[in-house]
Amino acid sequence: MIEGSCHCGAVRWRFEATPEGATACNCTVCRRYGVLWIYGHEGEDVTVIGPTKAYARGEKHLDFNFCPECGCVVSWRANRVGKKSGRRRMAVNVRLAEPEAVADIPIDHFDGLNTFEDLPRDGRRVADYWF
């Protein structure tokens, strides 16, 4: 299990699985937030605890959730349940975890700005993104 929290501690998350990778996305929102996402499903392997405010962009497929006190971006949540799976996709911001808990997770790059495709891994890990 991996845990994270916003700066003030009002919002926390738990990730109860082993992430395959942490995604660095360059879309217009993620690059501004500076987040690294790990993915799961609400109520299964991802739990967010505490009050959040939401921002939905464009066609509003996702809510980006942040702490209303300190402003840290905590998660995103799909606004629809998957038609086939009946599950709701979520991601949490791994930058809110303690560094040693997530340091070795490999980075996946997603080109959310131009091609909407995954890019090849380059060997970097979350620890390489701290500085």
Protein backbone atom coordinates (compact mmCIF):
# COMPACT_ATOMS: atom_id res chain seq x y z
CA MET A 1 0.00 0.00 0.00
CA ILE A 2 1.12 3.54 -0.82
CA GLU A 3 -0.29 6.60 0.92
CA GLY A 4 -0.16 10.29 0.16
CA SER A 5 -1.55 13.54 1.50
CA CYS A 6 -1.86 17.16 0.56
CA HIS A 7 0.42 19.68 2.23
CA CYS A 8 -1.98 20.58 5.05
CA GLY A 9 -3.11 16.98 5.61
CA ALA A 10 -6.83 17.62 5.08
CA VAL A 11 -6.96 15.22 2.10
CA ARG A 12 -5.27 11.83 1.97
CA TRP A 13 -5.21 8.99 -0.51
CA ARG A 14 -4.44 5.26 -0.34
CA PHE A 15 -3.33 3.12 -3.27
CA GLU A 16 -3.73 -0.56 -2.46
CA ALA A 17 -1.98 -2.13 -5.44
CA THR A 18 1.44 -2.16 -7.04
CA PRO A 19 1.58 0.54 -9.71
CA GLU A 20 3.06 -0.51 -13.05
CA GLY A 21 4.35 3.00 -13.57
CA ALA A 22 3.74 6.66 -12.81
CA THR A 23 2.57 8.72 -15.76
CA ALA A 24 4.08 12.06 -16.69
CA CYS A 25 1.63 13.68 -19.10
CA ASN A 26 2.22 16.85 -21.11
CA CYS A 27 -1.43 17.79 -21.69
CA THR A 28 -2.51 21.34 -21.02
CA VAL A 29 -3.65 20.50 -17.47
CA CYS A 30 -1.10 17.94 -16.24
CA ARG A 31 1.93 19.94 -17.32
CA ARG A 32 0.62 22.95 -15.40
CA TYR A 33 -0.08 20.87 -12.29
CA GLY A 34 3.29 19.09 -12.48
CA VAL A 35 1.72 15.81 -11.37
CA LEU A 36 2.74 12.17 -11.74
CA TRP A 37 -0.27 9.83 -11.84
CA ILE A 38 -0.75 6.24 -10.68
CA TYR A 39 -4.01 4.63 -11.80
CA GLY A 40 -6.65 2.42 -10.28
CA HIS A 41 -10.38 2.20 -9.67
CA GLU A 42 -12.48 4.01 -7.09
CA GLY A 43 -13.46 1.86 -4.13
CA GLU A 44 -11.15 -0.97 -5.20
CA ASP A 45 -7.50 0.03 -5.09
CA VAL A 46 -7.84 3.84 -4.82
CA THR A 47 -9.38 5.67 -1.88
CA VAL A 48 -9.43 9.45 -1.34
CA ILE A 49 -10.32 10.69 2.13
CA GLY A 50 -11.22 14.28 2.94
CA PRO A 51 -12.99 17.18 1.25
CA THR A 52 -11.90 18.18 -2.25
CA LYS A 53 -12.93 20.73 -4.84
CA ALA A 54 -13.11 19.72 -8.48
CA TYR A 55 -12.16 21.25 -11.79
CA ALA A 56 -13.43 19.74 -15.04
CA ARG A 57 -12.07 20.90 -18.37
CA GLY A 58 -13.36 20.68 -21.92
CA GLU A 59 -15.93 17.93 -22.34
CA LYS A 60 -15.75 17.25 -18.60
CA HIS A 61 -14.80 13.57 -18.81
CA LEU A 62 -12.58 13.96 -15.74
CA ASP A 63 -12.67 15.92 -12.51
CA PHE A 64 -9.29 17.09 -11.25
CA ASN A 65 -9.59 17.17 -7.46
CA PHE A 66 -7.60 19.42 -5.17
CA CYS A 67 -7.51 20.32 -1.49
CA PRO A 68 -9.63 23.43 -0.85
CA GLU A 69 -7.27 24.45 1.98
CA CYS A 70 -3.74 24.17 0.57
CA GLY A 71 -4.51 23.74 -3.15
CA CYS A 72 -2.54 20.52 -3.77
CA VAL A 73 -3.81 18.47 -6.71
CA VAL A 74 -4.75 15.12 -5.21
CA SER A 75 -6.45 13.04 -7.92
CA TRP A 76 -8.52 12.84 -11.02
CA ARG A 77 -11.76 10.90 -11.25
CA ALA A 78 -13.66 9.78 -14.33
CA ASN A 79 -17.12 11.28 -14.50
CA ARG A 80 -18.57 8.07 -15.91
CA VAL A 81 -18.43 4.45 -14.91
CA GLY A 82 -16.90 2.22 -17.58
CA LYS A 83 -19.59 0.69 -19.81
CA LYS A 84 -17.98 -2.75 -19.92
CA SER A 85 -16.31 -2.87 -16.52
CA GLY A 86 -18.86 -1.02 -14.38
CA ARG A 87 -15.89 0.54 -12.57
CA ARG A 88 -14.82 4.18 -12.17
CA ARG A 89 -11.23 5.00 -13.15
CA MET A 90 -9.18 7.20 -10.85
CA ALA A 91 -5.61 8.37 -10.55
CA VAL A 92 -3.75 9.83 -7.59
CA ASN A 93 -0.83 12.23 -7.62
CA VAL A 94 2.17 10.19 -6.55
CA ARG A 95 4.09 13.39 -5.77
CA LEU A 96 2.00 13.58 -2.57
CA ALA A 97 3.55 10.35 -1.24
CA GLU A 98 6.73 10.19 0.80
CA PRO A 99 9.66 10.02 -1.65
CA GLU A 100 11.09 6.73 -0.38
CA ALA A 101 7.73 4.97 -0.84
CA VAL A 102 7.56 5.74 -4.57
CA ALA A 103 11.17 6.39 -5.62
CA ASP A 104 11.56 3.22 -7.71
CA ILE A 105 8.30 3.42 -9.69
CA PRO A 106 9.19 3.69 -13.40
CA ILE A 107 8.03 6.78 -15.29
CA ASP A 108 5.69 6.36 -18.24
CA HIS A 109 5.42 9.29 -20.64
CA PHE A 110 2.09 10.09 -22.24
CA ASP A 111 1.82 12.66 -25.01
CA GLY A 112 -1.53 14.14 -24.08
CA LEU A 113 -0.78 17.32 -26.01
CA ASN A 114 -0.14 16.17 -29.58
CA THR A 115 -0.52 12.46 -30.33
CA PHE A 116 -2.46 11.09 -27.33
CA GLU A 117 -0.07 8.12 -27.30
CA ASP A 118 2.22 6.43 -24.83
CA LEU A 119 5.91 7.06 -25.44
CA PRO A 120 8.67 4.50 -24.79
CA ARG A 121 10.14 4.25 -21.31
CA ASP A 122 13.57 5.85 -20.94
CA GLY A 123 14.67 4.24 -17.67
CA ARG A 124 13.76 7.14 -15.40
CA ARG A 125 12.01 6.54 -12.08
CA VAL A 126 9.98 8.82 -9.81
CA ALA A 127 13.15 9.62 -7.83
CA ASP A 128 14.63 11.13 -11.01
CA TYR A 129 11.80 13.68 -11.09
CA TRP A 130 12.28 15.11 -7.60
CA PHE A 131 14.92 17.59 -8.76
